């Protein structure tokens, strides 16, 4: 099931060894791709544009929504 849509704000999970925390910089989803894994289940991958204009592609389980204050 797809969790995020284009223009959603997300953070990336960071594994610190003892715990998993989220990054402090929010990125914006600019592209969604569906791929089938080896057992035929659909997996979602998202291209994220970060504030410094870099882009990166991440699996859905690596991203968390930003909290809106």
Protein backbone atom coordinates (compact mmCIF):
# COMPACT_ATOMS: atom_id res chain seq x y z
CA UNK A 1 0.00 0.00 0.00
CA UNK A 2 1.38 3.40 -1.01
CA UNK A 3 1.97 5.67 2.02
CA UNK A 4 3.12 8.90 0.37
CA UNK A 5 2.08 11.10 -2.53
CA UNK A 6 3.97 13.62 -4.65
CA UNK A 7 4.66 16.85 -2.70
CA UNK A 8 4.48 15.10 0.71
CA UNK A 9 7.15 16.19 3.20
CA UNK A 10 9.28 13.34 4.60
CA UNK A 11 12.36 12.68 6.70
CA UNK A 12 14.78 9.79 6.27
CA UNK A 13 15.32 7.25 9.05
CA UNK A 14 18.92 7.03 10.25
CA UNK A 15 20.28 3.90 11.93
CA UNK A 16 22.75 4.96 14.63
CA UNK A 17 23.59 1.40 15.69
CA UNK A 18 21.72 1.44 19.00
CA UNK A 19 18.58 3.21 17.87
CA UNK A 20 16.82 4.49 14.79
CA UNK A 21 16.20 8.23 14.60
CA UNK A 22 14.99 10.56 11.88
CA UNK A 23 16.95 13.25 10.09
CA UNK A 24 16.35 16.89 10.95
CA UNK A 25 15.95 18.06 7.34
CA UNK A 26 12.67 17.48 5.52
CA UNK A 27 12.55 16.65 1.83
CA UNK A 28 9.75 16.69 -0.72
CA UNK A 29 8.66 13.65 -2.73
CA UNK A 30 8.90 14.42 -6.45
CA UNK A 31 8.43 10.96 -8.00
CA UNK A 32 6.91 7.59 -7.08
CA UNK A 33 7.95 4.29 -8.67
CA UNK A 34 6.37 0.86 -8.24
CA UNK A 35 8.59 -2.21 -8.52
CA UNK A 36 7.84 -5.88 -8.01
CA UNK A 37 10.01 -7.81 -5.57
CA UNK A 38 11.04 -11.42 -6.20
CA UNK A 39 7.79 -12.83 -4.79
CA UNK A 40 5.69 -10.51 -6.95
CA UNK A 41 4.64 -8.01 -4.30
CA UNK A 42 4.58 -4.32 -5.25
CA UNK A 43 7.15 -2.14 -3.45
CA UNK A 44 7.19 1.64 -3.61
CA UNK A 45 10.29 3.78 -4.13
CA UNK A 46 10.28 7.55 -3.81
CA UNK A 47 12.55 10.19 -5.27
CA UNK A 48 13.05 12.92 -2.67
CA UNK A 49 14.30 16.46 -3.36
CA UNK A 50 16.18 17.89 -0.37
CA UNK A 51 16.40 21.64 0.44
CA UNK A 52 19.95 21.85 -1.02
CA UNK A 53 18.52 20.64 -4.40
CA UNK A 54 20.00 17.12 -4.14
CA UNK A 55 17.73 14.20 -5.00
CA UNK A 56 17.84 10.63 -3.76
CA UNK A 57 15.70 7.50 -4.14
CA UNK A 58 14.49 5.59 -1.08
CA UNK A 59 12.28 2.61 -0.31
CA UNK A 60 9.03 3.41 1.48
CA UNK A 61 10.15 1.81 4.79
CA UNK A 62 13.10 4.24 5.07
CA UNK A 63 10.91 7.36 5.03
CA UNK A 64 8.71 8.85 7.74
CA UNK A 65 6.28 11.78 7.41
CA UNK A 66 7.38 15.10 8.88
CA UNK A 67 5.53 16.36 11.91
CA UNK A 68 3.57 19.55 11.35
CA UNK A 69 3.76 21.98 14.29
